[in-house]
């Protein structure tokens, strides 16, 4: 349970960092970031596999570069469901999910080192 909460917290904090760096990503406040983190998790586990499967031929033809578009689409789709979270512009659509992934990995590693009892073996 604590591991899930820390994952949502890391994603919410990562979203705030993305908001600072990309002008095309707007998050109104921290509660909106928390809700967006949950919705991004739901979209990534529910919708992203289907979109990835349907776009597999394009992904093969582009040697994997189309996965950036799939990530951007899922990121934008999550923004449609969360009031106070907006994604606008091509640069934010493509590169904000990449930055989100990097920052989220860093924060998740930080929390895992800080609270080792939350990692599952």
PDB file of N, CA and C in Angstrom:
ATOM      1  N   UNK A   1       0.821  -1.196   0.000  1.00  0.00           N
ATOM      2  CA  UNK A   1       0.000   0.000   0.000  1.00  0.00           C
ATOM      3  C   UNK A   1       0.866   1.262   0.000  1.00  0.00           C
ATOM      4  N   UNK A   2       1.895   1.259   0.856  1.00  0.00           N
ATOM      5  CA  UNK A   2       2.785   2.408   0.921  1.00  0.00           C
ATOM      6  C   UNK A   2       3.547   2.568  -0.394  1.00  0.00           C
ATOM      7  N   UNK A   3       3.901   1.448  -1.027  1.00  0.00           N
ATOM      8  CA  UNK A   3       4.616   1.517  -2.304  1.00  0.00           C
ATOM      9  C   UNK A   3       3.750   2.181  -3.367  1.00  0.00           C
ATOM     10  N   UNK A   4       2.466   1.878  -3.390  1.00  0.00           N
ATOM     11  CA  UNK A   4       1.562   2.499  -4.360  1.00  0.00           C
ATOM     12  C   UNK A   4       1.425   3.993  -4.103  1.00  0.00           C
ATOM     13  N   UNK A   5       1.318   4.365  -2.844  1.00  0.00           N
ATOM     14  CA  UNK A   5       1.217   5.784  -2.501  1.00  0.00           C
ATOM     15  C   UNK A   5       2.484   6.545  -2.884  1.00  0.00           C
ATOM     16  N   UNK A   6       3.640   5.922  -2.660  1.00  0.00           N
ATOM     17  CA  UNK A   6       4.900   6.573  -3.025  1.00  0.00           C
ATOM     18  C   UNK A   6       5.036   6.688  -4.542  1.00  0.00           C
ATOM     19  N   UNK A   7       4.518   5.704  -5.279  1.00  0.00           N
ATOM     20  CA  UNK A   7       4.544   5.772  -6.738  1.00  0.00           C
ATOM     21  C   UNK A   7       3.690   6.929  -7.240  1.00  0.00           C
ATOM     22  N   UNK A   8       2.497   7.072  -6.673  1.00  0.00           N
ATOM     23  CA  UNK A   8       1.619   8.185  -7.057  1.00  0.00           C
ATOM     24  C   UNK A   8       2.262   9.513  -6.672  1.00  0.00           C
ATOM     25  N   UNK A   9       2.856   9.588  -5.502  1.00  0.00           N
ATOM     26  CA  UNK A   9       3.523  10.810  -5.071  1.00  0.00           C
ATOM     27  C   UNK A   9       4.688  11.156  -5.989  1.00  0.00           C
ATOM     28  N   UNK A  10       5.492  10.159  -6.356  1.00  0.00           N
ATOM     29  CA  UNK A  10       6.620  10.403  -7.260  1.00  0.00           C
ATOM     30  C   UNK A  10       6.135  10.894  -8.623  1.00  0.00           C
ATOM     31  N   UNK A  11       5.052  10.306  -9.116  1.00  0.00           N
ATOM     32  CA  UNK A  11       4.512  10.733 -10.407  1.00  0.00           C
ATOM     33  C   UNK A  11       3.953  12.153 -10.324  1.00  0.00           C
ATOM     34  N   UNK A  12       3.270  12.467  -9.226  1.00  0.00           N
ATOM     35  CA  UNK A  12       2.722  13.821  -9.055  1.00  0.00           C
ATOM     36  C   UNK A  12       3.850  14.856  -8.983  1.00  0.00           C
ATOM     37  N   UNK A  13       4.893  14.555  -8.240  1.00  0.00           N
ATOM     38  CA  UNK A  13       6.031  15.474  -8.164  1.00  0.00           C
ATOM     39  C   UNK A  13       6.719  15.601  -9.523  1.00  0.00           C
ATOM     40  N   UNK A  14       6.799  14.502 -10.248  1.00  0.00           N
ATOM     41  CA  UNK A  14       7.387  14.534 -11.590  1.00  0.00           C
ATOM     42  C   UNK A  14       6.558  15.403 -12.528  1.00  0.00           C
ATOM     43  N   UNK A  15       5.245  15.326 -12.394  1.00  0.00           N
ATOM     44  CA  UNK A  15       4.375  16.171 -13.208  1.00  0.00           C
ATOM     45  C   UNK A  15       4.597  17.646 -12.913  1.00  0.00           C
ATOM     46  N   UNK A  16       4.835  17.979 -11.663  1.00  0.00           N
ATOM     47  CA  UNK A  16       5.101  19.377 -11.314  1.00  0.00           C
ATOM     48  C   UNK A  16       6.416  19.853 -11.929  1.00  0.00           C
ATOM     49  N   UNK A  17       7.415  18.970 -11.978  1.00  0.00           N
ATOM     50  CA  UNK A  17       8.683  19.319 -12.628  1.00  0.00           C
ATOM     51  C   UNK A  17       8.459  19.535 -14.126  1.00  0.00           C
ATOM     52  N   UNK A  18       7.671  18.649 -14.746  1.00  0.00           N
ATOM     53  CA  UNK A  18       7.359  18.790 -16.173  1.00  0.00           C
ATOM     54  C   UNK A  18       6.618  20.098 -16.418  1.00  0.00           C
ATOM     55  N   UNK A  19       5.732  20.458 -15.506  1.00  0.00           N
ATOM     56  CA  UNK A  19       4.992  21.723 -15.618  1.00  0.00           C
ATOM     57  C   UNK A  19       5.939  22.916 -15.602  1.00  0.00           C
ATOM     58  N   UNK A  20       6.965  22.851 -14.799  1.00  0.00           N
ATOM     59  CA  UNK A  20       7.937  23.944 -14.716  1.00  0.00           C
ATOM     60  C   UNK A  20       8.748  24.049 -16.006  1.00  0.00           C
ATOM     61  N   UNK A  21       9.134  22.920 -16.583  1.00  0.00           N
ATOM     62  CA  UNK A  21      10.043  22.926 -17.727  1.00  0.00           C
ATOM     63  C   UNK A  21       9.325  23.184 -19.047  1.00  0.00           C
ATOM     64  N   UNK A  22       8.157  22.582 -19.243  1.00  0.00           N
ATOM     65  CA  UNK A  22       7.434  22.727 -20.511  1.00  0.00           C
ATOM     66  C   UNK A  22       6.288  23.709 -20.339  1.00  0.00           C
ATOM     67  N   UNK A  23       6.278  24.731 -21.185  1.00  0.00           N
ATOM     68  CA  UNK A  23       5.197  25.706 -21.107  1.00  0.00           C
ATOM     69  C   UNK A  23       3.882  25.143 -21.628  1.00  0.00           C
ATOM     70  N   UNK A  24       3.923  24.067 -22.394  1.00  0.00           N
ATOM     71  CA  UNK A  24       2.712  23.464 -22.924  1.00  0.00           C
ATOM     72  C   UNK A  24       1.992  22.557 -21.949  1.00  0.00           C
ATOM     73  N   UNK A  25       2.599  22.294 -20.806  1.00  0.00           N
ATOM     74  CA  UNK A  25       1.968  21.469 -19.771  1.00  0.00           C
ATOM     75  C   UNK A  25       1.610  22.388 -18.616  1.00  0.00           C
ATOM     76  N   UNK A  26       0.331  22.400 -18.263  1.00  0.00           N
ATOM     77  CA  UNK A  26      -0.134  23.242 -17.171  1.00  0.00           C
ATOM     78  C   UNK A  26      -0.844  22.386 -16.134  1.00  0.00           C
ATOM     79  N   UNK A  27      -0.402  22.500 -14.903  1.00  0.00           N
ATOM     80  CA  UNK A  27      -1.045  21.822 -13.786  1.00  0.00           C
ATOM     81  C   UNK A  27      -1.418  22.899 -12.784  1.00  0.00           C
ATOM     82  N   UNK A  28      -2.698  22.953 -12.449  1.00  0.00           N
ATOM     83  CA  UNK A  28      -3.215  24.043 -11.626  1.00  0.00           C
ATOM     84  C   UNK A  28      -2.669  24.010 -10.204  1.00  0.00           C
ATOM     85  N   UNK A  29      -2.629  22.851  -9.586  1.00  0.00           N
ATOM     86  CA  UNK A  29      -2.203  22.755  -8.185  1.00  0.00           C
ATOM     87  C   UNK A  29      -1.787  21.322  -7.871  1.00  0.00           C
ATOM     88  N   UNK A  30      -1.338  21.094  -6.639  1.00  0.00           N
ATOM     89  CA  UNK A  30      -0.850  19.767  -6.270  1.00  0.00           C
ATOM     90  C   UNK A  30      -1.953  18.711  -6.258  1.00  0.00           C
ATOM     91  N   UNK A  31      -3.173  19.004  -5.782  1.00  0.00           N
ATOM     92  CA  UNK A  31      -4.231  17.982  -5.885  1.00  0.00           C
ATOM     93  C   UNK A  31      -4.518  17.571  -7.334  1.00  0.00           C
ATOM     94  N   UNK A  32      -4.455  18.506  -8.256  1.00  0.00           N
ATOM     95  CA  UNK A  32      -4.631  18.160  -9.670  1.00  0.00           C
ATOM     96  C   UNK A  32      -3.497  17.259 -10.145  1.00  0.00           C
ATOM     97  N   UNK A  33      -2.288  17.512  -9.644  1.00  0.00           N
ATOM     98  CA  UNK A  33      -1.151  16.658  -9.997  1.00  0.00           C
ATOM     99  C   UNK A  33      -1.332  15.251  -9.440  1.00  0.00           C
ATOM    100  N   UNK A  34      -1.867  15.138  -8.221  1.00  0.00           N
ATOM    101  CA  UNK A  34      -2.119  13.806  -7.643  1.00  0.00           C
ATOM    102  C   UNK A  34      -3.169  13.043  -8.452  1.00  0.00           C
ATOM    103  N   UNK A  35      -4.241  13.722  -8.815  1.00  0.00           N
ATOM    104  CA  UNK A  35      -5.287  13.078  -9.607  1.00  0.00           C
ATOM    105  C   UNK A  35      -4.744  12.708 -10.986  1.00  0.00           C
ATOM    106  N   UNK A  36      -3.958  13.599 -11.579  1.00  0.00           N
ATOM    107  CA  UNK A  36      -3.358  13.315 -12.888  1.00  0.00           C
ATOM    108  C   UNK A  36      -2.421  12.107 -12.804  1.00  0.00           C
ATOM    109  N   UNK A  37      -1.693  11.970 -11.706  1.00  0.00           N
ATOM    110  CA  UNK A  37      -0.798  10.826 -11.537  1.00  0.00           C
ATOM    111  C   UNK A  37      -1.582   9.521 -11.534  1.00  0.00           C
ATOM    112  N   UNK A  38      -2.706   9.514 -10.843  1.00  0.00           N
ATOM    113  CA  UNK A  38      -3.543   8.314 -10.802  1.00  0.00           C
ATOM    114  C   UNK A  38      -4.113   8.016 -12.189  1.00  0.00           C
ATOM    115  N   UNK A  39      -4.599   9.049 -12.864  1.00  0.00           N
ATOM    116  CA  UNK A  39      -5.196   8.854 -14.191  1.00  0.00           C
ATOM    117  C   UNK A  39      -4.136   8.410 -15.197  1.00  0.00           C
ATOM    118  N   UNK A  40      -2.940   8.955 -15.121  1.00  0.00           N
ATOM    119  CA  UNK A  40      -1.857   8.522 -16.011  1.00  0.00           C
ATOM    120  C   UNK A  40      -1.549   7.042 -15.772  1.00  0.00           C
ATOM    121  N   UNK A  41      -1.535   6.638 -14.525  1.00  0.00           N
ATOM    122  CA  UNK A  41      -1.319   5.217 -14.221  1.00  0.00           C
ATOM    123  C   UNK A  41      -2.413   4.337 -14.798  1.00  0.00           C
ATOM    124  N   UNK A  42      -3.651   4.786 -14.703  1.00  0.00           N
ATOM    125  CA  UNK A  42      -4.775   4.012 -15.242  1.00  0.00           C
ATOM    126  C   UNK A  42      -4.696   3.945 -16.769  1.00  0.00           C
ATOM    127  N   UNK A  43      -4.407   5.075 -17.401  1.00  0.00           N
ATOM    128  CA  UNK A  43      -4.302   5.101 -18.864  1.00  0.00           C
ATOM    129  C   UNK A  43      -3.142   4.230 -19.334  1.00  0.00           C
ATOM    130  N   UNK A  44      -2.014   4.298 -18.633  1.00  0.00           N
ATOM    131  CA  UNK A  44      -0.847   3.514 -19.041  1.00  0.00           C
ATOM    132  C   UNK A  44      -1.055   2.012 -18.857  1.00  0.00           C
ATOM    133  N   UNK A  45      -1.868   1.614 -17.904  1.00  0.00           N
ATOM    134  CA  UNK A  45      -2.106   0.185 -17.720  1.00  0.00           C
ATOM    135  C   UNK A  45      -3.296  -0.324 -18.522  1.00  0.00           C
ATOM    136  N   UNK A  46      -4.249   0.550 -18.836  1.00  0.00           N
ATOM    137  CA  UNK A  46      -5.449   0.102 -19.520  1.00  0.00           C
ATOM    138  C   UNK A  46      -5.483   0.372 -21.004  1.00  0.00           C
ATOM    139  N   UNK A  47      -5.130   1.583 -21.397  1.00  0.00           N
ATOM    140  CA  UNK A  47      -5.295   1.998 -22.792  1.00  0.00           C
ATOM    141  C   UNK A  47      -4.003   1.855 -23.588  1.00  0.00           C
ATOM    142  N   UNK A  48      -2.875   2.133 -22.981  1.00  0.00           N
ATOM    143  CA  UNK A  48      -1.606   2.143 -23.705  1.00  0.00           C
ATOM    144  C   UNK A  48      -1.266   0.803 -24.359  1.00  0.00           C
ATOM    145  N   UNK A  49      -1.494  -0.344 -23.700  1.00  0.00           N
ATOM    146  CA  UNK A  49      -1.191  -1.603 -24.393  1.00  0.00           C
ATOM    147  C   UNK A  49      -2.006  -1.798 -25.674  1.00  0.00           C
ATOM    148  N   UNK A  50      -3.247  -1.381 -25.649  1.00  0.00           N
ATOM    149  CA  UNK A  50      -4.092  -1.504 -26.841  1.00  0.00           C
ATOM    150  C   UNK A  50      -3.596  -0.586 -27.961  1.00  0.00           C
ATOM    151  N   UNK A  51      -3.282   0.653 -27.619  1.00  0.00           N
ATOM    152  CA  UNK A  51      -2.765   1.596 -28.625  1.00  0.00           C
ATOM    153  C   UNK A  51      -1.424   1.104 -29.171  1.00  0.00           C
ATOM    154  N   UNK A  52      -0.585   0.568 -28.291  1.00  0.00           N
ATOM    155  CA  UNK A  52       0.717   0.049 -28.734  1.00  0.00           C
ATOM    156  C   UNK A  52       0.547  -1.128 -29.686  1.00  0.00           C
ATOM    157  N   UNK A  53      -0.398  -1.990 -29.392  1.00  0.00           N
ATOM    158  CA  UNK A  53      -0.644  -3.133 -30.261  1.00  0.00           C
ATOM    159  C   UNK A  53      -1.174  -2.686 -31.623  1.00  0.00           C
ATOM    160  N   UNK A  54      -2.107  -1.746 -31.615  1.00  0.00           N
ATOM    161  CA  UNK A  54      -2.674  -1.269 -32.874  1.00  0.00           C
ATOM    162  C   UNK A  54      -1.662  -0.490 -33.720  1.00  0.00           C
ATOM    163  N   UNK A  55      -0.707   0.148 -33.068  1.00  0.00           N
ATOM    164  CA  UNK A  55       0.279   0.941 -33.802  1.00  0.00           C
ATOM    165  C   UNK A  55       1.583   0.178 -34.041  1.00  0.00           C
ATOM    166  N   UNK A  56       1.582  -1.115 -33.805  1.00  0.00           N
ATOM    167  CA  UNK A  56       2.795  -1.908 -33.966  1.00  0.00           C
ATOM    168  C   UNK A  56       3.402  -1.809 -35.366  1.00  0.00           C
ATOM    169  N   UNK A  57       2.607  -1.873 -36.444  1.00  0.00           N
ATOM    170  CA  UNK A  57       3.235  -1.720 -37.767  1.00  0.00           C
ATOM    171  C   UNK A  57       3.947  -0.374 -37.951  1.00  0.00           C
ATOM    172  N   UNK A  58       3.329   0.715 -37.474  1.00  0.00           N
ATOM    173  CA  UNK A  58       3.981   2.029 -37.565  1.00  0.00           C
ATOM    174  C   UNK A  58       5.236   2.083 -36.702  1.00  0.00           C
ATOM    175  N   UNK A  59       5.184   1.440 -35.556  1.00  0.00           N
ATOM    176  CA  UNK A  59       6.336   1.421 -34.660  1.00  0.00           C
ATOM    177  C   UNK A  59       7.488   0.641 -35.296  1.00  0.00           C
ATOM    178  N   UNK A  60       7.177  -0.449 -35.990  1.00  0.00           N
ATOM    179  CA  UNK A  60       8.223  -1.220 -36.658  1.00  0.00           C
ATOM    180  C   UNK A  60       8.818  -0.412 -37.815  1.00  0.00           C
ATOM    181  N   UNK A  61       7.958   0.219 -38.603  1.00  0.00           N
ATOM    182  CA  UNK A  61       8.449   1.025 -39.727  1.00  0.00           C
ATOM    183  C   UNK A  61       9.304   2.198 -39.278  1.00  0.00           C
ATOM    184  N   UNK A  62       8.979   2.774 -38.133  1.00  0.00           N
ATOM    185  CA  UNK A  62       9.742   3.935 -37.643  1.00  0.00           C
ATOM    186  C   UNK A  62      10.885   3.523 -36.719  1.00  0.00           C
ATOM    187  N   UNK A  63      11.135   2.235 -36.636  1.00  0.00           N
ATOM    188  CA  UNK A  63      12.197   1.697 -35.765  1.00  0.00           C
ATOM    189  C   UNK A  63      12.016   2.131 -34.310  1.00  0.00           C
ATOM    190  N   UNK A  64      10.782   2.172 -33.866  1.00  0.00           N
ATOM    191  CA  UNK A  64      10.466   2.464 -32.471  1.00  0.00           C
ATOM    192  C   UNK A  64      10.180   3.914 -32.168  1.00  0.00           C
ATOM    193  N   UNK A  65      10.411   4.801 -33.101  1.00  0.00           N
ATOM    194  CA  UNK A  65      10.207   6.228 -32.835  1.00  0.00           C
ATOM    195  C   UNK A  65       8.730   6.567 -32.643  1.00  0.00           C
ATOM    196  N   UNK A  66       7.836   5.762 -33.212  1.00  0.00           N
ATOM    197  CA  UNK A  66       6.415   6.039 -33.062  1.00  0.00           C
ATOM    198  C   UNK A  66       5.956   5.833 -31.622  1.00  0.00           C
ATOM    199  N   UNK A  67       6.738   5.149 -30.822  1.00  0.00           N
ATOM    200  CA  UNK A  67       6.371   4.978 -29.404  1.00  0.00           C
ATOM    201  C   UNK A  67       6.343   6.319 -28.673  1.00  0.00           C
ATOM    202  N   UNK A  68       7.097   7.306 -29.160  1.00  0.00           N
ATOM    203  CA  UNK A  68       7.020   8.652 -28.582  1.00  0.00           C
ATOM    204  C   UNK A  68       5.634   9.244 -28.802  1.00  0.00           C
ATOM    205  N   UNK A  69       5.063   8.973 -29.962  1.00  0.00           N
ATOM    206  CA  UNK A  69       3.715   9.466 -30.259  1.00  0.00           C
ATOM    207  C   UNK A  69       2.694   8.739 -29.386  1.00  0.00           C
ATOM    208  N   UNK A  70       2.869   7.442 -29.199  1.00  0.00           N
ATOM    209  CA  UNK A  70       1.960   6.674 -28.345  1.00  0.00           C
ATOM    210  C   UNK A  70       2.018   7.191 -26.905  1.00  0.00           C
ATOM    211  N   UNK A  71       3.224   7.449 -26.401  1.00  0.00           N
ATOM    212  CA  UNK A  71       3.356   8.015 -25.049  1.00  0.00           C
ATOM    213  C   UNK A  71       2.698   9.383 -24.958  1.00  0.00           C
ATOM    214  N   UNK A  72       2.911  10.215 -25.963  1.00  0.00           N
ATOM    215  CA  UNK A  72       2.294  11.537 -25.977  1.00  0.00           C
ATOM    216  C   UNK A  72       0.781  11.457 -26.034  1.00  0.00           C
ATOM    217  N   UNK A  73       0.268  10.525 -26.813  1.00  0.00           N
ATOM    218  CA  UNK A  73      -1.173  10.345 -26.912  1.00  0.00           C
ATOM    219  C   UNK A  73      -1.774   9.928 -25.570  1.00  0.00           C
ATOM    220  N   UNK A  74      -1.113   9.024 -24.873  1.00  0.00           N
ATOM    221  CA  UNK A  74      -1.603   8.597 -23.552  1.00  0.00           C
ATOM    222  C   UNK A  74      -1.512   9.739 -22.545  1.00  0.00           C
ATOM    223  N   UNK A  75      -0.454  10.516 -22.618  1.00  0.00           N
ATOM    224  CA  UNK A  75      -0.287  11.665 -21.729  1.00  0.00           C
ATOM    225  C   UNK A  75      -1.399  12.685 -21.971  1.00  0.00           C
ATOM    226  N   UNK A  76      -1.658  12.990 -23.247  1.00  0.00           N
ATOM    227  CA  UNK A  76      -2.719  13.926 -23.610  1.00  0.00           C
ATOM    228  C   UNK A  76      -4.085  13.378 -23.226  1.00  0.00           C
ATOM    229  N   UNK A  77      -4.297  12.083 -23.433  1.00  0.00           N
ATOM    230  CA  UNK A  77      -5.568  11.457 -23.085  1.00  0.00           C
ATOM    231  C   UNK A  77      -5.841  11.582 -21.591  1.00  0.00           C
ATOM    232  N   UNK A  78      -4.825  11.400 -20.779  1.00  0.00           N
ATOM    233  CA  UNK A  78      -4.994  11.564 -19.331  1.00  0.00           C
ATOM    234  C   UNK A  78      -5.371  12.996 -18.983  1.00  0.00           C
ATOM    235  N   UNK A  79      -4.844  13.957 -19.736  1.00  0.00           N
ATOM    236  CA  UNK A  79      -5.155  15.359 -19.444  1.00  0.00           C
ATOM    237  C   UNK A  79      -6.611  15.698 -19.740  1.00  0.00           C
ATOM    238  N   UNK A  80      -7.251  14.926 -20.604  1.00  0.00           N
ATOM    239  CA  UNK A  80      -8.661  15.172 -20.912  1.00  0.00           C
ATOM    240  C   UNK A  80      -9.575  14.848 -19.733  1.00  0.00           C
ATOM    241  N   UNK A  81      -9.140  13.958 -18.863  1.00  0.00           N
ATOM    242  CA  UNK A  81      -9.973  13.502 -17.752  1.00  0.00           C
ATOM    243  C   UNK A  81      -9.731  14.246 -16.448  1.00  0.00           C
ATOM    244  N   UNK A  82      -8.708  15.080 -16.409  1.00  0.00           N
ATOM    245  CA  UNK A  82      -8.343  15.743 -15.149  1.00  0.00           C
ATOM    246  C   UNK A  82      -8.499  17.251 -15.296  1.00  0.00           C
ATOM    247  N   UNK A  83      -9.445  17.841 -14.560  1.00  0.00           N
ATOM    248  CA  UNK A  83      -9.527  19.299 -14.570  1.00  0.00           C
ATOM    249  C   UNK A  83      -8.286  19.894 -13.889  1.00  0.00           C
ATOM    250  N   UNK A  84      -7.728  20.903 -14.470  1.00  0.00           N
ATOM    251  CA  UNK A  84      -6.525  21.507 -13.919  1.00  0.00           C
ATOM    252  C   UNK A  84      -5.252  20.935 -14.501  1.00  0.00           C
ATOM    253  N   UNK A  85      -5.366  20.043 -15.484  1.00  0.00           N
ATOM    254  CA  UNK A  85      -4.206  19.452 -16.146  1.00  0.00           C
ATOM    255  C   UNK A  85      -4.423  19.599 -17.642  1.00  0.00           C
ATOM    256  N   UNK A  86      -3.480  20.296 -18.313  1.00  0.00           N
ATOM    257  CA  UNK A  86      -3.640  20.590 -19.732  1.00  0.00           C
ATOM    258  C   UNK A  86      -2.328  20.356 -20.453  1.00  0.00           C
ATOM    259  N   UNK A  87      -2.427  19.753 -21.642  1.00  0.00           N
ATOM    260  CA  UNK A  87      -1.266  19.547 -22.505  1.00  0.00           C
ATOM    261  C   UNK A  87      -1.566  20.221 -23.836  1.00  0.00           C
ATOM    262  N   UNK A  88      -0.705  21.146 -24.227  1.00  0.00           N
ATOM    263  CA  UNK A  88      -0.896  21.873 -25.486  1.00  0.00           C
ATOM    264  C   UNK A  88       0.454  22.033 -26.174  1.00  0.00           C
ATOM    265  N   UNK A  89       0.457  21.825 -27.462  1.00  0.00           N
ATOM    266  CA  UNK A  89       1.681  22.010 -28.232  1.00  0.00           C
ATOM    267  C   UNK A  89       2.378  20.700 -28.542  1.00  0.00           C
ATOM    268  N   UNK A  90       3.022  20.660 -29.701  1.00  0.00           N
ATOM    269  CA  UNK A  90       3.680  19.450 -30.161  1.00  0.00           C
ATOM    270  C   UNK A  90       4.875  19.063 -29.299  1.00  0.00           C
ATOM    271  N   UNK A  91       5.664  20.045 -28.881  1.00  0.00           N
ATOM    272  CA  UNK A  91       6.828  19.728 -28.050  1.00  0.00           C
ATOM    273  C   UNK A  91       6.416  19.110 -26.712  1.00  0.00           C
ATOM    274  N   UNK A  92       5.384  19.659 -26.112  1.00  0.00           N
ATOM    275  CA  UNK A  92       4.890  19.095 -24.854  1.00  0.00           C
ATOM    276  C   UNK A  92       4.300  17.714 -25.078  1.00  0.00           C
ATOM    277  N   UNK A  93       3.611  17.536 -26.195  1.00  0.00           N
ATOM    278  CA  UNK A  93       2.982  16.259 -26.529  1.00  0.00           C
ATOM    279  C   UNK A  93       4.019  15.150 -26.682  1.00  0.00           C
ATOM    280  N   UNK A  94       5.148  15.464 -27.305  1.00  0.00           N
ATOM    281  CA  UNK A  94       6.167  14.451 -27.585  1.00  0.00           C
ATOM    282  C   UNK A  94       7.171  14.309 -26.449  1.00  0.00           C
ATOM    283  N   UNK A  95       7.693  15.422 -25.939  1.00  0.00           N
ATOM    284  CA  UNK A  95       8.836  15.339 -25.028  1.00  0.00           C
ATOM    285  C   UNK A  95       8.478  15.390 -23.540  1.00  0.00           C
ATOM    286  N   UNK A  96       7.314  15.893 -23.181  1.00  0.00           N
ATOM    287  CA  UNK A  96       6.937  15.926 -21.760  1.00  0.00           C
ATOM    288  C   UNK A  96       6.814  14.528 -21.162  1.00  0.00           C
ATOM    289  N   UNK A  97       6.242  13.536 -21.868  1.00  0.00           N
ATOM    290  CA  UNK A  97       6.208  12.191 -21.284  1.00  0.00           C
ATOM    291  C   UNK A  97       7.602  11.586 -21.095  1.00  0.00           C
ATOM    292  N   UNK A  98       8.540  11.954 -21.972  1.00  0.00           N
ATOM    293  CA  UNK A  98       9.914  11.462 -21.828  1.00  0.00           C
ATOM    294  C   UNK A  98      10.543  12.038 -20.559  1.00  0.00           C
ATOM    295  N   UNK A  99      10.392  13.345 -20.366  1.00  0.00           N
ATOM    296  CA  UNK A  99      10.912  13.978 -19.147  1.00  0.00           C
ATOM    297  C   UNK A  99      10.212  13.430 -17.911  1.00  0.00           C
ATOM    298  N   UNK A 100       8.907  13.230 -18.017  1.00  0.00           N
ATOM    299  CA  UNK A 100       8.156  12.654 -16.903  1.00  0.00           C
ATOM    300  C   UNK A 100       8.730  11.294 -16.519  1.00  0.00           C
ATOM    301  N   UNK A 101       9.060  10.501 -17.498  1.00  0.00           N
ATOM    302  CA  UNK A 101       9.621   9.176 -17.235  1.00  0.00           C
ATOM    303  C   UNK A 101      10.980   9.270 -16.538  1.00  0.00           C
ATOM    304  N   UNK A 102      11.841  10.162 -17.006  1.00  0.00           N
ATOM    305  CA  UNK A 102      13.158  10.326 -16.390  1.00  0.00           C
ATOM    306  C   UNK A 102      13.050  10.797 -14.937  1.00  0.00           C
ATOM    307  N   UNK A 103      12.264  11.825 -14.715  1.00  0.00           N
ATOM    308  CA  UNK A 103      12.132  12.373 -13.356  1.00  0.00           C
ATOM    309  C   UNK A 103      11.457  11.363 -12.447  1.00  0.00           C
ATOM    310  N   UNK A 104      10.448  10.666 -12.961  1.00  0.00           N
ATOM    311  CA  UNK A 104       9.739   9.676 -12.165  1.00  0.00           C
ATOM    312  C   UNK A 104      10.660   8.519 -11.783  1.00  0.00           C
ATOM    313  N   UNK A 105      11.518   8.102 -12.704  1.00  0.00           N
ATOM    314  CA  UNK A 105      12.490   7.043 -12.391  1.00  0.00           C
ATOM    315  C   UNK A 105      13.437   7.491 -11.294  1.00  0.00           C
ATOM    316  N   UNK A 106      13.921   8.709 -11.385  1.00  0.00           N
ATOM    317  CA  UNK A 106      14.825   9.244 -10.363  1.00  0.00           C
ATOM    318  C   UNK A 106      14.141   9.298  -8.992  1.00  0.00           C
ATOM    319  N   UNK A 107      12.921   9.848  -8.945  1.00  0.00           N
ATOM    320  CA  UNK A 107      12.217   9.965  -7.666  1.00  0.00           C
ATOM    321  C   UNK A 107      11.823   8.598  -7.105  1.00  0.00           C
ATOM    322  N   UNK A 108      11.428   7.677  -7.961  1.00  0.00           N
ATOM    323  CA  UNK A 108      11.072   6.337  -7.497  1.00  0.00           C
ATOM    324  C   UNK A 108      12.288   5.630  -6.909  1.00  0.00           C
ATOM    325  N   UNK A 109      13.430   5.812  -7.546  1.00  0.00           N
ATOM    326  CA  UNK A 109      14.672   5.230  -7.011  1.00  0.00           C
ATOM    327  C   UNK A 109      15.019   5.878  -5.670  1.00  0.00           C
ATOM    328  N   UNK A 110      14.816   7.172  -5.569  1.00  0.00           N
ATOM    329  CA  UNK A 110      15.068   7.875  -4.313  1.00  0.00           C
ATOM    330  C   UNK A 110      14.171   7.321  -3.197  1.00  0.00           C
ATOM    331  N   UNK A 111      12.876   7.183  -3.483  1.00  0.00           N
ATOM    332  CA  UNK A 111      11.954   6.663  -2.472  1.00  0.00           C
ATOM    333  C   UNK A 111      12.282   5.217  -2.123  1.00  0.00           C
ATOM    334  N   UNK A 112      12.701   4.420  -3.100  1.00  0.00           N
ATOM    335  CA  UNK A 112      13.041   3.019  -2.837  1.00  0.00           C
ATOM    336  C   UNK A 112      14.268   2.916  -1.934  1.00  0.00           C
ATOM    337  N   UNK A 113      15.229   3.823  -2.107  1.00  0.00           N
ATOM    338  CA  UNK A 113      16.409   3.820  -1.236  1.00  0.00           C
ATOM    339  C   UNK A 113      16.068   4.346   0.154  1.00  0.00           C
ATOM    340  N   UNK A 114      15.171   5.314   0.216  1.00  0.00           N
ATOM    341  CA  UNK A 114      14.790   5.943   1.472  1.00  0.00           C
ATOM    342  C   UNK A 114      13.898   5.028   2.315  1.00  0.00           C
ATOM    343  N   UNK A 115      13.020   4.293   1.629  1.00  0.00           N
ATOM    344  CA  UNK A 115      12.047   3.416   2.310  1.00  0.00           C
ATOM    345  C   UNK A 115      12.148   2.012   1.719  1.00  0.00           C
ATOM    346  N   UNK A 116      13.218   1.287   2.081  1.00  0.00           N
ATOM    347  CA  UNK A 116      13.447  -0.028   1.454  1.00  0.00           C
ATOM    348  C   UNK A 116      12.372  -1.066   1.783  1.00  0.00           C
ATOM    349  N   UNK A 117      11.619  -0.867   2.829  1.00  0.00           N
ATOM    350  CA  UNK A 117      10.587  -1.848   3.191  1.00  0.00           C
ATOM    351  C   UNK A 117       9.403  -1.813   2.224  1.00  0.00           C
ATOM    352  N   UNK A 118       9.330  -0.782   1.371  1.00  0.00           N
ATOM    353  CA  UNK A 118       8.208  -0.687   0.441  1.00  0.00           C
ATOM    354  C   UNK A 118       8.464  -1.454  -0.843  1.00  0.00           C
ATOM    355  N   UNK A 119       9.726  -1.816  -1.123  1.00  0.00           N
ATOM    356  CA  UNK A 119      10.011  -2.576  -2.340  1.00  0.00           C
ATOM    357  C   UNK A 119       9.669  -4.030  -2.112  1.00  0.00           C
ATOM    358  N   UNK A 120       9.164  -4.655  -3.141  1.00  0.00           N
ATOM    359  CA  UNK A 120       8.775  -6.054  -3.030  1.00  0.00           C
ATOM    360  C   UNK A 120       9.834  -6.918  -3.665  1.00  0.00           C
ATOM    361  N   UNK A 121      10.177  -8.003  -3.003  1.00  0.00           N
ATOM    362  CA  UNK A 121      11.223  -8.903  -3.504  1.00  0.00           C
ATOM    363  C   UNK A 121      10.634 -10.206  -3.945  1.00  0.00           C
TER     364      UNK A 121
END
